[in-house]
Amino acid sequence: MARVARAALPVAAVAWAVLVVAVPLAGSTAGAPGVLRWTGAGVYLAGSLVCHQLPERSFHAHGAKWPVCARCSGLYIGGAAGVLLAWLAGGRRAAVPFGAWRGILLAMAVPTAVTVAAEWWNPAWSSGLVRALAAAPLGAAFGALLAASMSFRVD
């Protein structure tokens, strides 16, 4: 049971990233069966709790706006990739000491910080793709930390 509980958070992180991409790719849910409509509505509602969801800063697929903006999409997809890569590369022990993660996270936040600062200076400076790509390293680092945290021991 403890093993399942420890894996639940990383699995949820990957599932969320999949839903962020899959729900709009499925197109309009108006004619979809009830469970798909409710799932789609739930994803958009959850996205509204963590993201501004501005249409001009979001990706669109099949005429549907993604449930989170491009920057958040980059964070979540990067996070899922970080979880998966950490699981594939790691064993039962954390490869990076817990204390080193602060520096890693700060370094991976630099591209996002640069795009945010550039957008304050010139709001039209970057595109959704630039925002997503800049946020992906930070998301990947958080995802890897999440996966690695399953093996940290607090003595």
Foldseek 3Di string as FASTA:
>chain_A
DVVCVLCVVLVVLLVLLCCLPPLQQVPDCPPPPPVSVVSSVVNLVVLVVPAVQDQQQFDHHNNHTGSHGLLVSLLSVLLNVLQVVLVVPDDLAQPDDPVCLVVQLVVLCVLLVVVVVVCVVPVVPDHSVSSSVSNSSNSSSNNNCSNNVSRDDDD
